[in-house]
């Protein structure tokens, strides 16, 4: 076999694969590049992610999250002074709140890794612009709290315990549910933790579902 024929035979495999040095391969027009699929981000509602109100007095941080709004199946059986009418009858809007307490270490506590919240109450809570105390829905509220997976009130969170504590940097939560009077848009929630020295008063804006502003009909 002569030298020219040998060189031609050696070149054929290179041409068959369309890829010798100094040449540019031609893309097959039927070939489509598929970009890697991007992961779908998990959405978290702002209401779930961010508390409506937060505050601290000394060593216990308190966050408040408005939960569901529902209509009372039972009236409160309560009246204002000198009024025969039931203050919150059947059908009144009720707002469920998730209240979270988180211990915060302070230098004077040394290596203490918890905070004492024994005897925490919500007494003194009222709606902005209303002189009377806010009224807990003790008829339907506990069931609503249970459905939300939360204990009812702080004494429910620490049921059977004589000393109530929350760990530093870790949260413990409970629920409360209040009848919502007409014409209000803020709740002045008073979280009174005796060890804090004074009450923590938090201004909680009410969601549209609680004020009747969710739709033109108020439903």
N, C-alpha and C. Protein backbone atom coordinates (compact mmCIF):
# COMPACT_ATOMS: atom_id res chain seq x y z
N UNK A 1 0.88 -1.20 0.00
CA UNK A 1 0.00 0.00 0.00
C UNK A 1 0.90 1.23 0.00
N UNK A 2 0.61 2.18 -0.93
CA UNK A 2 1.49 3.34 -1.00
C UNK A 2 1.22 4.31 0.15
N UNK A 3 2.11 5.26 0.36
CA UNK A 3 2.05 6.18 1.50
C UNK A 3 0.82 7.06 1.45
N UNK A 4 0.37 7.52 0.24
CA UNK A 4 -0.82 8.39 0.13
C UNK A 4 -2.07 7.65 0.58
N UNK A 5 -2.16 6.37 0.18
CA UNK A 5 -3.34 5.59 0.57
C UNK A 5 -3.38 5.36 2.07
N UNK A 6 -2.21 5.11 2.68
CA UNK A 6 -2.14 4.91 4.15
C UNK A 6 -2.59 6.17 4.88
N UNK A 7 -2.17 7.33 4.43
CA UNK A 7 -2.55 8.61 5.07
C UNK A 7 -4.03 8.84 4.97
N UNK A 8 -4.65 8.48 3.82
CA UNK A 8 -6.09 8.67 3.63
C UNK A 8 -6.89 7.76 4.55
N UNK A 9 -6.42 6.54 4.69
CA UNK A 9 -7.11 5.59 5.60
C UNK A 9 -7.05 6.08 7.04
N UNK A 10 -5.92 6.66 7.45
CA UNK A 10 -5.76 7.17 8.82
C UNK A 10 -6.66 8.37 9.08
N UNK A 11 -6.98 9.12 8.04
CA UNK A 11 -7.79 10.33 8.20
C UNK A 11 -9.28 10.04 8.32
N UNK A 12 -9.73 8.91 7.76
CA UNK A 12 -11.17 8.60 7.74
C UNK A 12 -11.82 8.56 9.12
N UNK A 13 -11.23 7.89 10.16
CA UNK A 13 -11.88 7.91 11.50
C UNK A 13 -12.07 9.30 12.05
N UNK A 14 -11.09 10.18 11.80
CA UNK A 14 -11.19 11.55 12.29
C UNK A 14 -12.36 12.27 11.66
N UNK A 15 -12.57 12.11 10.36
CA UNK A 15 -13.68 12.76 9.67
C UNK A 15 -15.02 12.19 10.12
N UNK A 16 -15.03 10.88 10.39
CA UNK A 16 -16.29 10.24 10.82
C UNK A 16 -16.80 10.82 12.11
N UNK A 17 -15.94 11.19 13.03
CA UNK A 17 -16.35 11.76 14.32
C UNK A 17 -16.41 13.27 14.30
N UNK A 18 -16.15 13.90 13.18
CA UNK A 18 -16.25 15.35 13.00
C UNK A 18 -15.60 16.11 14.13
N UNK A 19 -14.37 15.71 14.50
CA UNK A 19 -13.78 16.38 15.63
C UNK A 19 -12.28 16.39 15.65
N UNK A 20 -11.60 16.56 14.58
CA UNK A 20 -10.15 16.63 14.60
C UNK A 20 -9.69 17.99 15.10
N UNK A 21 -8.44 18.06 15.52
CA UNK A 21 -7.89 19.32 15.98
C UNK A 21 -7.97 20.36 14.87
N UNK A 22 -8.43 21.56 15.23
CA UNK A 22 -8.52 22.63 14.27
C UNK A 22 -9.84 22.68 13.53
N UNK A 23 -10.77 21.74 13.82
CA UNK A 23 -12.09 21.75 13.19
C UNK A 23 -13.15 22.02 14.23
N UNK A 24 -14.31 22.57 13.84
CA UNK A 24 -15.41 22.85 14.76
C UNK A 24 -16.57 21.90 14.47
N UNK A 25 -17.00 21.09 15.46
CA UNK A 25 -18.07 20.15 15.22
C UNK A 25 -19.37 20.87 14.90
N UNK A 26 -20.17 20.31 14.02
CA UNK A 26 -21.46 20.91 13.65
C UNK A 26 -22.56 20.33 14.54
N UNK A 27 -23.37 21.21 15.21
CA UNK A 27 -24.44 20.75 16.10
C UNK A 27 -25.58 20.16 15.28
N UNK A 28 -26.05 19.03 15.72
CA UNK A 28 -27.20 18.39 15.08
C UNK A 28 -28.43 19.25 15.32
N UNK A 29 -29.11 19.72 14.27
CA UNK A 29 -30.25 20.63 14.47
C UNK A 29 -31.40 19.99 15.23
N UNK A 30 -31.44 18.66 15.31
CA UNK A 30 -32.52 17.99 16.03
C UNK A 30 -32.24 17.86 17.52
N UNK A 31 -31.01 18.25 17.95
CA UNK A 31 -30.63 18.14 19.36
C UNK A 31 -31.04 19.39 20.12
N UNK A 32 -31.76 19.23 21.24
CA UNK A 32 -32.23 20.36 22.04
C UNK A 32 -31.59 20.31 23.42
N UNK A 33 -30.99 21.41 23.83
CA UNK A 33 -30.39 21.49 25.16
C UNK A 33 -31.47 21.75 26.20
N UNK A 34 -31.50 20.93 27.24
CA UNK A 34 -32.49 21.08 28.31
C UNK A 34 -31.79 21.64 29.53
N UNK A 35 -32.22 22.82 29.99
CA UNK A 35 -31.60 23.44 31.16
C UNK A 35 -32.00 22.67 32.42
N UNK A 36 -31.12 22.59 33.41
CA UNK A 36 -31.46 21.91 34.67
C UNK A 36 -32.68 22.57 35.32
N UNK A 37 -33.55 21.75 35.88
CA UNK A 37 -34.76 22.29 36.52
C UNK A 37 -34.38 23.03 37.79
N UNK A 38 -34.95 24.22 37.99
CA UNK A 38 -34.70 24.99 39.20
C UNK A 38 -35.64 24.55 40.30
N UNK A 39 -35.15 24.38 41.52
CA UNK A 39 -36.04 23.97 42.60
C UNK A 39 -37.10 25.02 42.88
N UNK A 40 -38.30 24.58 43.14
CA UNK A 40 -39.39 25.50 43.45
C UNK A 40 -39.26 25.96 44.89
N UNK A 41 -39.15 27.27 45.13
CA UNK A 41 -39.00 27.74 46.52
C UNK A 41 -40.25 27.47 47.34
N UNK A 42 -40.05 27.17 48.61
CA UNK A 42 -41.17 26.94 49.51
C UNK A 42 -41.64 28.29 50.02
N UNK A 43 -42.89 28.61 49.75
CA UNK A 43 -43.41 29.92 50.16
C UNK A 43 -43.88 29.87 51.60
N UNK A 44 -43.61 30.94 52.33
CA UNK A 44 -44.05 31.08 53.70
C UNK A 44 -44.76 32.41 53.82
N UNK A 45 -45.98 32.38 54.30
CA UNK A 45 -46.74 33.63 54.38
C UNK A 45 -46.09 34.56 55.39
N UNK A 46 -46.20 35.85 55.12
CA UNK A 46 -45.60 36.85 56.03
C UNK A 46 -46.21 36.76 57.41
N UNK A 47 -47.51 36.41 57.46
CA UNK A 47 -48.18 36.35 58.76
C UNK A 47 -47.58 35.24 59.62
N UNK A 48 -47.22 34.08 58.97
CA UNK A 48 -46.65 32.97 59.71
C UNK A 48 -45.21 33.26 60.10
N UNK A 49 -44.48 33.98 59.22
CA UNK A 49 -43.06 34.19 59.45
C UNK A 49 -42.79 35.32 60.43
N UNK A 50 -43.62 36.35 60.43
CA UNK A 50 -43.35 37.53 61.23
C UNK A 50 -44.44 37.73 62.28
N UNK A 51 -44.05 37.98 63.53
CA UNK A 51 -45.06 38.27 64.55
C UNK A 51 -45.72 39.63 64.31
N UNK A 52 -46.96 39.76 64.77
CA UNK A 52 -47.66 41.04 64.65
C UNK A 52 -47.16 42.02 65.70
N UNK A 53 -46.63 41.51 66.80
CA UNK A 53 -46.10 42.37 67.86
C UNK A 53 -45.05 41.60 68.64
N UNK A 54 -44.04 42.32 69.12
CA UNK A 54 -42.96 41.72 69.89
C UNK A 54 -42.50 42.69 70.97
N UNK A 55 -41.98 42.16 72.05
CA UNK A 55 -41.45 43.03 73.09
C UNK A 55 -40.78 42.26 74.20
N UNK A 56 -39.94 42.95 74.97
CA UNK A 56 -39.25 42.35 76.10
C UNK A 56 -39.16 43.37 77.23
N UNK A 57 -39.26 42.91 78.47
CA UNK A 57 -39.09 43.78 79.63
C UNK A 57 -37.69 43.58 80.20
N UNK A 58 -37.33 42.33 80.47
CA UNK A 58 -36.03 42.06 81.06
C UNK A 58 -35.36 40.84 80.44
N UNK A 59 -35.93 39.66 80.67
CA UNK A 59 -35.26 38.44 80.22
C UNK A 59 -36.19 37.46 79.52
N UNK A 60 -37.41 37.90 79.17
CA UNK A 60 -38.34 37.04 78.44
C UNK A 60 -38.88 37.81 77.24
N UNK A 61 -38.56 37.34 76.06
CA UNK A 61 -39.04 37.97 74.82
C UNK A 61 -40.40 37.39 74.50
N UNK A 62 -41.36 38.24 74.15
CA UNK A 62 -42.72 37.80 73.84
C UNK A 62 -43.06 38.18 72.40
N UNK A 63 -43.54 37.21 71.63
CA UNK A 63 -44.01 37.42 70.26
C UNK A 63 -45.48 37.05 70.18
N UNK A 64 -46.24 37.81 69.38
CA UNK A 64 -47.67 37.55 69.23
C UNK A 64 -47.99 37.36 67.75
N UNK A 65 -48.66 36.25 67.45
CA UNK A 65 -49.05 35.93 66.08
C UNK A 65 -50.57 35.79 66.01
N UNK A 66 -51.27 36.63 65.22
CA UNK A 66 -52.71 36.42 65.06
C UNK A 66 -52.96 35.13 64.30
N UNK A 67 -53.87 34.32 64.82
CA UNK A 67 -54.21 33.06 64.16
C UNK A 67 -55.51 33.19 63.40
N UNK A 68 -56.31 32.15 63.47
CA UNK A 68 -57.58 32.14 62.74
C UNK A 68 -58.61 33.05 63.42
N UNK A 69 -59.56 33.49 62.63
CA UNK A 69 -60.71 34.23 63.14
C UNK A 69 -61.94 33.36 62.90
N UNK A 70 -62.77 33.22 63.91
CA UNK A 70 -63.98 32.41 63.75
C UNK A 70 -65.15 33.12 64.43
N UNK A 71 -66.36 32.63 64.19
CA UNK A 71 -67.54 33.21 64.81
C UNK A 71 -67.97 32.37 66.00
N UNK A 72 -68.26 33.05 67.09
CA UNK A 72 -68.60 32.35 68.32
C UNK A 72 -69.87 31.53 68.18
N UNK A 73 -69.80 30.29 68.63
CA UNK A 73 -70.99 29.43 68.65
C UNK A 73 -71.81 29.64 69.92
N UNK A 74 -71.19 30.28 70.88
CA UNK A 74 -71.84 30.58 72.16
C UNK A 74 -71.62 32.05 72.51
N UNK A 75 -72.57 32.67 73.16
CA UNK A 75 -72.39 34.04 73.62
C UNK A 75 -71.53 34.07 74.87
N UNK A 76 -71.08 35.26 75.22
CA UNK A 76 -70.21 35.37 76.39
C UNK A 76 -70.99 35.38 77.71
N UNK A 77 -72.31 35.59 77.62
CA UNK A 77 -73.15 35.69 78.82
C UNK A 77 -72.66 36.80 79.74
N UNK A 78 -72.19 37.89 79.12
CA UNK A 78 -71.70 39.01 79.89
C UNK A 78 -72.35 40.29 79.37
N UNK A 79 -72.45 41.28 80.25
CA UNK A 79 -73.06 42.56 79.89
C UNK A 79 -72.20 43.70 80.42
N UNK A 80 -72.39 44.87 79.85
CA UNK A 80 -71.77 46.07 80.41
C UNK A 80 -72.63 46.57 81.56
N UNK A 81 -72.07 47.33 82.49
CA UNK A 81 -72.88 47.88 83.59
C UNK A 81 -74.06 48.67 83.04
N UNK A 82 -75.22 48.48 83.67
CA UNK A 82 -76.45 49.20 83.33
C UNK A 82 -76.96 48.88 81.92
N UNK A 83 -76.57 47.69 81.41
CA UNK A 83 -77.06 47.26 80.09
C UNK A 83 -77.56 45.83 80.18
N UNK A 84 -78.79 45.58 79.67
CA UNK A 84 -79.33 44.22 79.72
C UNK A 84 -78.86 43.35 78.55
N UNK A 85 -78.28 43.98 77.53
CA UNK A 85 -77.92 43.25 76.32
C UNK A 85 -76.60 42.49 76.50
N UNK A 86 -76.57 41.28 75.95
CA UNK A 86 -75.34 40.49 76.00
C UNK A 86 -74.27 41.22 75.19
N UNK A 87 -73.09 41.36 75.78
CA UNK A 87 -72.02 42.13 75.14
C UNK A 87 -71.52 41.46 73.86
N UNK A 88 -71.33 40.16 73.91
CA UNK A 88 -70.84 39.41 72.74
C UNK A 88 -71.74 38.20 72.51
N UNK A 89 -72.78 38.36 71.70
CA UNK A 89 -73.71 37.26 71.45
C UNK A 89 -73.15 36.23 70.47
N UNK A 90 -73.91 35.19 70.22
CA UNK A 90 -73.54 34.17 69.23
C UNK A 90 -73.29 34.86 67.88
N UNK A 91 -72.24 34.45 67.18
CA UNK A 91 -71.91 35.04 65.88
C UNK A 91 -70.86 36.13 65.95
N UNK A 92 -70.49 36.56 67.17
CA UNK A 92 -69.44 37.57 67.31
C UNK A 92 -68.11 37.01 66.82
N UNK A 93 -67.33 37.85 66.15
CA UNK A 93 -66.00 37.40 65.71
C UNK A 93 -65.09 37.17 66.92
N UNK A 94 -64.28 36.12 66.80
CA UNK A 94 -63.31 35.78 67.84
C UNK A 94 -61.95 35.61 67.18
N UNK A 95 -60.94 36.22 67.77
CA UNK A 95 -59.58 36.13 67.23
C UNK A 95 -58.74 35.22 68.11
N UNK A 96 -58.15 34.20 67.48
CA UNK A 96 -57.23 33.31 68.17
C UNK A 96 -55.82 33.87 68.05
N UNK A 97 -55.11 33.95 69.15
CA UNK A 97 -53.73 34.45 69.17
C UNK A 97 -52.77 33.34 69.60
N UNK A 98 -51.62 33.30 68.95
CA UNK A 98 -50.52 32.46 69.42
C UNK A 98 -49.52 33.38 70.11
N UNK A 99 -49.24 33.08 71.37
CA UNK A 99 -48.34 33.91 72.17
C UNK A 99 -47.11 33.07 72.54
N UNK A 100 -45.95 33.58 72.17
CA UNK A 100 -44.71 32.82 72.34
C UNK A 100 -43.77 33.53 73.31
N UNK A 101 -43.21 32.77 74.24
CA UNK A 101 -42.23 33.31 75.19
C UNK A 101 -40.89 32.64 74.95
N UNK A 102 -39.82 33.45 74.88
CA UNK A 102 -38.47 32.94 74.66
C UNK A 102 -37.54 33.52 75.72
N UNK A 103 -36.79 32.68 76.41
CA UNK A 103 -35.86 33.15 77.42
C UNK A 103 -34.67 33.86 76.81
N UNK A 104 -34.25 34.98 77.44
CA UNK A 104 -33.08 35.74 77.00
C UNK A 104 -32.11 35.89 78.18
N UNK A 105 -30.90 35.39 78.00
CA UNK A 105 -29.92 35.45 79.06
C UNK A 105 -29.45 36.87 79.31
N UNK A 106 -29.26 37.22 80.58
CA UNK A 106 -28.68 38.52 80.94
C UNK A 106 -27.46 38.26 81.83
N UNK A 107 -26.43 39.10 81.76
CA UNK A 107 -25.15 38.83 82.44
C UNK A 107 -25.28 38.54 83.93
N UNK A 108 -26.20 39.19 84.61
CA UNK A 108 -26.31 39.00 86.06
C UNK A 108 -26.76 37.58 86.44
N UNK A 109 -27.20 36.80 85.44
CA UNK A 109 -27.68 35.45 85.74
C UNK A 109 -26.59 34.38 85.69
N UNK A 110 -25.37 34.80 85.40
CA UNK A 110 -24.29 33.81 85.36
C UNK A 110 -24.51 32.79 84.26
N UNK A 111 -24.52 31.51 84.63
CA UNK A 111 -24.69 30.45 83.63
C UNK A 111 -26.13 29.92 83.57
N UNK A 112 -27.08 30.67 84.08
CA UNK A 112 -28.48 30.24 84.05
C UNK A 112 -28.96 30.11 82.60
N UNK A 113 -29.58 28.97 82.28
CA UNK A 113 -29.99 28.74 80.89
C UNK A 113 -31.51 28.66 80.72
N UNK A 114 -32.24 29.26 81.68
CA UNK A 114 -33.71 29.29 81.58
C UNK A 114 -34.22 30.55 82.26
N UNK A 115 -35.51 30.84 82.05
CA UNK A 115 -36.14 31.98 82.71
C UNK A 115 -37.41 31.52 83.43
N UNK A 116 -37.63 32.08 84.60
CA UNK A 116 -38.80 31.73 85.41
C UNK A 116 -39.99 32.60 84.99
N UNK A 117 -41.04 31.97 84.51
CA UNK A 117 -42.24 32.71 84.09
C UNK A 117 -43.46 32.26 84.91
N UNK A 118 -43.20 31.78 86.11
CA UNK A 118 -44.27 31.30 86.98
C UNK A 118 -45.33 32.38 87.20
N UNK A 119 -46.60 31.99 87.06
CA UNK A 119 -47.70 32.90 87.33
C UNK A 119 -48.02 33.89 86.23
N UNK A 120 -47.53 33.64 85.01
CA UNK A 120 -47.82 34.53 83.88
C UNK A 120 -49.33 34.66 83.67
N UNK A 121 -49.81 35.90 83.48
CA UNK A 121 -51.23 36.14 83.20
C UNK A 121 -51.37 37.11 82.03
N UNK A 122 -52.60 37.20 81.52
CA UNK A 122 -52.93 38.16 80.47
C UNK A 122 -53.91 39.21 81.00
N UNK A 123 -54.00 39.34 82.30
CA UNK A 123 -54.92 40.29 82.91
C UNK A 123 -54.54 41.72 82.55
N UNK A 124 -55.54 42.53 82.30
CA UNK A 124 -55.30 43.92 81.92
C UNK A 124 -55.38 44.14 80.42
N UNK A 125 -55.49 43.04 79.65
CA UNK A 125 -55.60 43.16 78.18
C UNK A 125 -56.91 43.85 77.81
N UNK A 126 -56.86 44.79 76.87
CA UNK A 126 -58.06 45.46 76.39
C UNK A 126 -57.87 45.91 74.95
N UNK A 127 -58.96 46.19 74.28
CA UNK A 127 -58.88 46.69 72.91
C UNK A 127 -58.67 48.20 72.94
N UNK A 128 -57.84 48.68 72.04
CA UNK A 128 -57.55 50.11 71.97
C UNK A 128 -58.84 50.90 71.77
N UNK A 129 -59.07 51.88 72.62
CA UNK A 129 -60.26 52.71 72.52
C UNK A 129 -61.45 52.19 73.31
N UNK A 130 -61.31 51.03 73.93
CA UNK A 130 -62.40 50.47 74.74
C UNK A 130 -61.97 50.47 76.21
N UNK A 131 -62.81 50.95 77.10
CA UNK A 131 -62.42 51.02 78.51
C UNK A 131 -62.49 49.69 79.25
N UNK A 132 -63.38 48.78 78.79
CA UNK A 132 -63.55 47.52 79.52
C UNK A 132 -62.45 46.51 79.13
N UNK A 133 -62.16 45.57 80.01
CA UNK A 133 -61.16 44.54 79.67
C UNK A 133 -61.62 43.70 78.48
N UNK A 134 -60.67 43.20 77.72
CA UNK A 134 -61.00 42.26 76.64
C UNK A 134 -61.55 40.98 77.28
N UNK A 135 -62.47 40.35 76.57
CA UNK A 135 -63.15 39.16 77.12
C UNK A 135 -62.67 37.92 76.39
N UNK A 136 -62.15 36.96 77.14
CA UNK A 136 -61.73 35.69 76.58
C UNK A 136 -62.94 34.86 76.18
N UNK A 137 -62.85 34.18 75.06
CA UNK A 137 -63.90 33.25 74.66
C UNK A 137 -63.57 31.89 75.28
N UNK A 138 -64.03 31.68 76.48
CA UNK A 138 -63.73 30.43 77.19
C UNK A 138 -64.64 29.29 76.76
N UNK A 139 -65.66 29.59 75.94
CA UNK A 139 -66.57 28.54 75.47
C UNK A 139 -65.98 27.83 74.24
N UNK A 140 -65.59 28.59 73.24
CA UNK A 140 -65.08 28.01 72.00
C UNK A 140 -63.56 28.11 71.87
N UNK A 141 -62.94 28.99 72.65
CA UNK A 141 -61.51 29.22 72.54
C UNK A 141 -60.64 28.00 72.79
N UNK A 142 -60.89 27.25 73.87
CA UNK A 142 -60.03 26.07 74.13
C UNK A 142 -60.04 25.06 72.99
N UNK A 143 -61.20 24.85 72.37
CA UNK A 143 -61.26 23.91 71.24
C UNK A 143 -60.50 24.46 70.04
N UNK A 144 -60.58 25.77 69.82
CA UNK A 144 -59.84 26.38 68.71
C UNK A 144 -58.33 26.28 68.95
N UNK A 145 -57.92 26.45 70.20
CA UNK A 145 -56.50 26.31 70.53
C UNK A 145 -56.03 24.88 70.30
N UNK A 146 -56.83 23.92 70.71
CA UNK A 146 -56.48 22.51 70.53
C UNK A 146 -56.36 22.18 69.05
N UNK A 147 -57.28 22.71 68.24
CA UNK A 147 -57.24 22.46 66.79
C UNK A 147 -55.98 23.04 66.17
N UNK A 148 -55.46 24.12 66.77
CA UNK A 148 -54.23 24.74 66.28
C UNK A 148 -52.98 24.09 66.86
N UNK A 149 -53.17 23.09 67.73
CA UNK A 149 -52.04 22.40 68.33
C UNK A 149 -51.35 23.17 69.43
N UNK A 150 -52.13 24.04 70.12
CA UNK A 150 -51.56 24.89 71.16
C UNK A 150 -52.28 24.69 72.48
N UNK A 151 -51.57 24.79 73.61
CA UNK A 151 -52.24 24.77 74.91
C UNK A 151 -53.04 26.05 75.10
N UNK A 152 -54.09 25.97 75.90
CA UNK A 152 -54.96 27.11 76.16
C UNK A 152 -54.43 27.89 77.36
N UNK A 153 -53.99 29.11 77.12
CA UNK A 153 -53.49 30.03 78.15
C UNK A 153 -52.19 29.50 78.78
N UNK A 154 -51.45 30.37 79.48
CA UNK A 154 -50.16 29.94 80.04
C UNK A 154 -50.29 28.82 81.06
N UNK A 155 -51.37 28.81 81.83
CA UNK A 155 -51.52 27.73 82.80
C UNK A 155 -51.73 26.38 82.11
N UNK A 156 -52.24 26.41 80.87
CA UNK A 156 -52.35 25.18 80.10
C UNK A 156 -51.00 24.71 79.58
N UNK A 157 -50.14 25.66 79.26
CA UNK A 157 -48.79 25.33 78.80
C UNK A 157 -48.00 24.64 79.90
N UNK A 158 -48.20 25.06 81.14
CA UNK A 158 -47.44 24.52 82.26
C UNK A 158 -48.33 23.70 83.18
N UNK A 159 -49.30 23.03 82.63
CA UNK A 159 -50.29 22.29 83.42
C UNK A 159 -49.62 21.31 84.39
N UNK A 160 -49.99 21.45 85.66
CA UNK A 160 -49.47 20.55 86.69
C UNK A 160 -48.09 20.90 87.22
N UNK A 161 -47.49 21.97 86.69
CA UNK A 161 -46.16 22.35 87.15
C UNK A 161 -46.25 23.51 88.14
N UNK A 162 -45.54 23.42 89.23
CA UNK A 162 -45.55 24.51 90.22
C UNK A 162 -44.62 25.64 89.81
N UNK A 163 -43.53 25.31 89.12
CA UNK A 163 -42.59 26.32 88.62
C UNK A 163 -42.63 26.29 87.10
N UNK A 164 -42.86 27.46 86.49
CA UNK A 164 -42.95 27.55 85.04
C UNK A 164 -41.64 28.14 84.51
N UNK A 165 -41.03 27.47 83.58
CA UNK A 165 -39.77 27.98 83.01
C UNK A 165 -39.78 27.86 81.49
N UNK A 166 -39.05 28.79 80.85
CA UNK A 166 -38.80 28.70 79.40
C UNK A 166 -37.29 28.72 79.20
N UNK A 167 -36.77 27.87 78.32
CA UNK A 167 -35.32 27.84 78.10
C UNK A 167 -34.84 29.07 77.34
N UNK A 168 -33.60 29.45 77.56
CA UNK A 168 -33.01 30.56 76.81
C UNK A 168 -32.88 30.17 75.34
N UNK A 169 -33.25 31.10 74.47
CA UNK A 169 -33.13 30.95 73.02
C UNK A 169 -34.05 29.88 72.44
N UNK A 170 -34.98 29.39 73.23
CA UNK A 170 -35.96 28.43 72.72
C UNK A 170 -37.35 28.90 73.16
N UNK A 171 -38.31 28.69 72.28
CA UNK A 171 -39.65 29.26 72.51
C UNK A 171 -40.63 28.23 73.06
N UNK A 172 -41.59 28.75 73.81
CA UNK A 172 -42.74 27.95 74.24
C UNK A 172 -43.98 28.80 73.97
N UNK A 173 -45.02 28.18 73.42
CA UNK A 173 -46.19 28.93 72.95
C UNK A 173 -47.50 28.42 73.54
N UNK A 174 -48.44 29.35 73.66
CA UNK A 174 -49.79 29.00 74.09
C UNK A 174 -50.76 29.88 73.32
N UNK A 175 -52.05 29.61 73.46
CA UNK A 175 -53.07 30.36 72.72
C UNK A 175 -54.05 31.05 73.65
N UNK A 176 -54.62 32.13 73.14
CA UNK A 176 -55.72 32.83 73.81
C UNK A 176 -56.67 33.28 72.71
N UNK A 177 -57.95 33.37 73.02
CA UNK A 177 -58.94 33.80 72.01
C UNK A 177 -59.85 34.86 72.63
N UNK A 178 -59.98 35.99 71.94
CA UNK A 178 -60.77 37.10 72.45
C UNK A 178 -61.94 37.44 71.52
N UNK A 179 -63.10 37.73 72.13
CA UNK A 179 -64.21 38.30 71.36
C UNK A 179 -63.76 39.67 70.85
N UNK A 180 -64.08 39.98 69.61
CA UNK A 180 -63.64 41.25 69.01
C UNK A 180 -64.82 42.22 68.94
N UNK A 181 -64.78 43.33 69.68
CA UNK A 181 -65.86 44.33 69.61
C UNK A 181 -65.88 45.01 68.25
N UNK A 182 -67.00 45.59 67.92
CA UNK A 182 -67.11 46.34 66.66
C UNK A 182 -66.29 47.63 66.75
N UNK A 183 -65.71 48.04 65.64
CA UNK A 183 -65.04 49.35 65.56
C UNK A 183 -63.66 49.41 66.17
N UNK A 184 -62.98 48.27 66.35
CA UNK A 184 -61.62 48.29 66.90
C UNK A 184 -60.64 47.77 65.84
N UNK A 185 -59.38 48.17 65.96
CA UNK A 185 -58.39 47.65 65.03
C UNK A 185 -57.08 47.27 65.71
N UNK A 186 -57.02 47.40 67.06
CA UNK A 186 -55.81 47.04 67.78
C UNK A 186 -56.17 46.43 69.14
N UNK A 187 -55.36 45.48 69.54
CA UNK A 187 -55.50 44.87 70.86
C UNK A 187 -54.28 45.26 71.69
N UNK A 188 -54.52 45.74 72.89
CA UNK A 188 -53.42 46.04 73.81
C UNK A 188 -53.25 44.82 74.72
N UNK A 189 -52.40 43.90 74.30
CA UNK A 189 -52.21 42.64 75.01
C UNK A 189 -51.22 42.83 76.16
N UNK A 190 -51.65 42.51 77.36
CA UNK A 190 -50.80 42.64 78.54
C UNK A 190 -50.33 41.26 78.98
N UNK A 191 -49.03 41.01 78.83
CA UNK A 191 -48.44 39.75 79.27
C UNK A 191 -47.66 40.06 80.55
N UNK A 192 -48.22 39.65 81.67
CA UNK A 192 -47.64 39.98 82.97
C UNK A 192 -46.88 38.77 83.52
N UNK A 193 -45.54 38.85 83.47
CA UNK A 193 -44.67 37.80 83.99
C UNK A 193 -44.07 38.32 85.29
N UNK A 194 -44.49 37.81 86.45
CA UNK A 194 -44.06 38.38 87.73
C UNK A 194 -42.56 38.58 87.87
N UNK A 195 -41.76 37.65 87.37
CA UNK A 195 -40.31 37.77 87.53
C UNK A 195 -39.72 38.92 86.72
N UNK A 196 -40.47 39.44 85.75
CA UNK A 196 -39.98 40.53 84.91
C UNK A 196 -40.05 41.89 85.62
N UNK A 197 -40.84 41.97 86.68
CA UNK A 197 -40.92 43.22 87.44
C UNK A 197 -42.06 44.13 87.01
N UNK A 198 -42.40 44.13 85.75
CA UNK A 198 -43.55 44.90 85.27
C UNK A 198 -44.12 44.23 84.03
N UNK A 199 -45.34 44.61 83.71
CA UNK A 199 -46.03 43.97 82.60
C UNK A 199 -45.45 44.39 81.25
N UNK A 200 -45.54 43.49 80.29
CA UNK A 200 -45.15 43.75 78.91
C UNK A 200 -46.44 44.00 78.12
N UNK A 201 -46.66 45.25 77.69
CA UNK A 201 -47.90 45.61 76.99
C UNK A 201 -47.58 45.73 75.50
N UNK A 202 -48.22 44.88 74.70
CA UNK A 202 -47.93 44.80 73.27
C UNK A 202 -49.14 45.25 72.46
N UNK A 203 -48.91 46.14 71.51
CA UNK A 203 -49.98 46.61 70.63
C UNK A 203 -50.06 45.68 69.41
N UNK A 204 -51.17 44.96 69.31
CA UNK A 204 -51.33 43.95 68.27
C UNK A 204 -52.33 44.45 67.23
N UNK A 205 -51.90 44.77 66.00
CA UNK A 205 -52.85 45.16 64.95
C UNK A 205 -53.73 43.96 64.60
N UNK A 206 -55.02 44.20 64.43
CA UNK A 206 -55.93 43.11 64.12
C UNK A 206 -55.98 42.84 62.62
N UNK A 207 -56.02 41.57 62.21
CA UNK A 207 -56.15 41.27 60.78
C UNK A 207 -57.54 41.64 60.28
N UNK A 208 -57.66 41.82 58.97
CA UNK A 208 -58.94 42.21 58.37
C UNK A 208 -60.04 41.22 58.69
N UNK A 209 -59.68 39.94 58.82
CA UNK A 209 -60.69 38.92 59.10
C UNK A 209 -61.34 39.12 60.47
N UNK A 210 -60.63 39.79 61.38
CA UNK A 210 -61.19 40.03 62.72
C UNK A 210 -61.98 41.32 62.80
N UNK A 211 -61.67 42.29 61.95
CA UNK A 211 -62.34 43.58 62.04
C UNK A 211 -63.53 43.69 61.11
N UNK A 212 -63.70 42.71 60.23
CA UNK A 212 -64.81 42.76 59.28
C UNK A 212 -64.46 43.50 58.02
N UNK A 213 -63.17 43.82 57.81
CA UNK A 213 -62.75 44.55 56.63
C UNK A 213 -62.30 43.63 55.50
N UNK A 214 -62.50 42.32 55.68
CA UNK A 214 -62.04 41.38 54.68
C UNK A 214 -62.80 41.50 53.37
N UNK A 215 -64.05 41.97 53.45
CA UNK A 215 -64.86 42.15 52.24
C UNK A 215 -65.86 43.25 52.48
N UNK A 216 -66.49 43.72 51.44
CA UNK A 216 -67.45 44.81 51.57
C UNK A 216 -68.63 44.42 52.41
N UNK A 217 -68.95 43.11 52.42
CA UNK A 217 -70.10 42.65 53.20
C UNK A 217 -69.73 42.39 54.65
N UNK A 218 -68.38 42.42 54.93
CA UNK A 218 -67.94 42.18 56.30
C UNK A 218 -67.79 40.72 56.62
N UNK A 219 -67.95 39.85 55.62
CA UNK A 219 -67.81 38.41 55.88
C UNK A 219 -66.36 37.97 55.64
